[in-house]
Amino acid sequence: MMQVPKDLQNQLWQDLEQLERNRTMPYITSVERIGIEKGMQQGMQQGMRQGESALLERQLTRRFGPPSAETRARLQAATVEQLEQWAENILDATTLEEGFKDH
C-alpha cells in the first residue's frame, strides 16, 4: 500500500466535502413551501391582471380613442374580475362609461 502525501490527502477531503455540499438539497420547511406557492400564485395573478388590463386598453383605444390618464388609472386599479366584465361590456357599449358598468 502506498501512502498519499498529507497535502494531497487534505485536498482530497476538502474536495469531497465541497462535492457533498453541492449535492445536498436544501431543506425547505412546509411554511416556506406554502410561502413560495403563494408567491407564485400572486405572481401569476398579477401577470394575468396586467395582461387583461393591456388588452382592454387596446380595445378601448380602438373603440373610443386613446384613453385618458384617469381611464388608465382605473384599469390599473381594477381586479381581474372587473377587467373581464368590462372587456365583455365593450362589445356592446356605445359610450366609454357603458363599458365600465359592473353588472
Protein backbone atom coordinates (compact mmCIF):
# COMPACT_ATOMS: atom_id res chain seq x y z
CA MET A 1 0.00 0.00 0.00
CA MET A 2 1.22 3.43 -0.89
CA GLN A 3 0.71 6.45 1.34
CA VAL A 4 -0.57 9.71 -0.20
CA PRO A 5 1.26 12.87 0.87
CA LYS A 6 -0.52 14.85 3.62
CA ASP A 7 -1.23 17.93 1.46
CA LEU A 8 -2.89 15.79 -1.24
CA GLN A 9 -4.88 13.95 1.42
CA ASN A 10 -6.16 17.26 2.80
CA GLN A 11 -7.03 18.46 -0.69
CA LEU A 12 -8.96 15.24 -1.36
CA TRP A 13 -11.02 15.68 1.83
CA GLN A 14 -11.74 19.31 1.00
CA ASP A 15 -12.85 18.36 -2.50
CA LEU A 16 -15.11 15.61 -1.12
CA GLU A 17 -16.69 17.98 1.41
CA GLN A 18 -17.31 20.56 -1.31
CA LEU A 19 -18.86 17.92 -3.56
CA GLU A 20 -21.19 16.79 -0.76
CA ARG A 21 -22.22 20.39 0.00
CA ASN A 22 -23.05 20.97 -3.66
CA ARG A 23 -25.15 17.82 -3.85
CA THR A 24 -27.10 18.37 -0.65
CA MET A 25 -30.61 19.57 -1.27
CA PRO A 26 -31.59 22.45 0.97
CA TYR A 27 -34.38 21.65 3.39
CA ILE A 28 -37.49 23.69 2.80
CA THR A 29 -39.97 23.78 5.64
CA SER A 30 -43.67 23.43 4.95
CA VAL A 31 -44.15 27.09 5.91
CA GLU A 32 -41.50 28.13 3.34
CA ARG A 33 -43.09 25.87 0.71
CA ILE A 34 -46.52 27.42 1.34
CA GLY A 35 -44.96 30.90 1.11
CA ILE A 36 -43.29 30.01 -2.17
CA GLU A 37 -46.55 28.64 -3.59
CA LYS A 38 -48.49 31.74 -2.50
CA GLY A 39 -45.84 33.98 -4.05
CA MET A 40 -46.03 32.07 -7.32
CA GLN A 41 -49.83 32.25 -7.30
CA GLN A 42 -49.76 36.00 -6.65
CA GLY A 43 -47.24 36.47 -9.44
CA MET A 44 -49.41 34.57 -11.89
CA GLN A 45 -52.50 36.57 -10.87
CA GLN A 46 -50.60 39.84 -11.21
CA GLY A 47 -49.40 38.83 -14.68
CA MET A 48 -52.91 37.86 -15.70
CA ARG A 49 -54.31 41.16 -14.40
CA GLN A 50 -51.68 43.14 -16.31
CA GLY A 51 -52.43 41.21 -19.49
CA GLU A 52 -56.18 41.74 -19.14
CA SER A 53 -55.61 45.44 -18.46
CA ALA A 54 -53.38 45.85 -21.53
CA LEU A 55 -55.87 44.04 -23.77
CA LEU A 56 -58.79 46.12 -22.51
CA GLU A 57 -56.80 49.31 -23.03
CA ARG A 58 -56.19 48.31 -26.66
CA GLN A 59 -59.89 47.57 -27.11
CA LEU A 60 -60.87 50.91 -25.58
CA THR A 61 -58.38 52.74 -27.79
CA ARG A 62 -59.75 51.12 -30.90
CA ARG A 63 -63.38 51.74 -29.91
CA PHE A 64 -63.24 55.16 -28.25
CA GLY A 65 -59.80 56.61 -29.00
CA PRO A 66 -56.78 56.93 -26.74
CA PRO A 67 -57.75 56.57 -23.06
CA SER A 68 -57.23 59.41 -20.59
CA ALA A 69 -54.86 59.17 -17.65
CA GLU A 70 -57.91 58.66 -15.43
CA THR A 71 -59.09 55.71 -17.53
CA ARG A 72 -55.61 54.16 -17.47
CA ALA A 73 -55.50 54.55 -13.68
CA ARG A 74 -58.91 52.90 -13.45
CA LEU A 75 -57.66 49.96 -15.48
CA GLN A 76 -54.53 49.62 -13.34
CA ALA A 77 -56.57 49.59 -10.11
CA ALA A 78 -59.17 47.09 -11.33
CA THR A 79 -59.45 43.46 -10.30
CA VAL A 80 -59.25 40.64 -12.83
CA GLU A 81 -63.00 40.12 -12.48
CA GLN A 82 -63.73 43.78 -13.23
CA LEU A 83 -61.42 43.75 -16.25
CA GLU A 84 -63.13 40.64 -17.61
CA GLN A 85 -66.58 42.21 -17.13
CA TRP A 86 -65.50 45.46 -18.76
CA ALA A 87 -63.98 43.57 -21.70
CA GLU A 88 -67.34 41.91 -22.28
CA ASN A 89 -69.17 45.23 -21.87
CA ILE A 90 -67.03 46.87 -24.56
CA LEU A 91 -68.57 44.56 -27.17
CA ASP A 92 -71.96 46.29 -26.84
CA ALA A 93 -71.08 49.66 -25.27
CA THR A 94 -71.80 52.83 -27.17
CA THR A 95 -70.02 55.05 -24.65
CA LEU A 96 -66.93 54.63 -22.52
CA GLU A 97 -68.97 54.73 -19.30
CA GLU A 98 -71.19 51.89 -20.55
CA GLY A 99 -68.06 49.85 -20.91
CA PHE A 100 -67.19 50.39 -17.26
CA LYS A 101 -70.51 49.31 -15.82
CA ASP A 102 -70.37 46.46 -13.30
CA HIS A 103 -73.27 44.09 -13.89
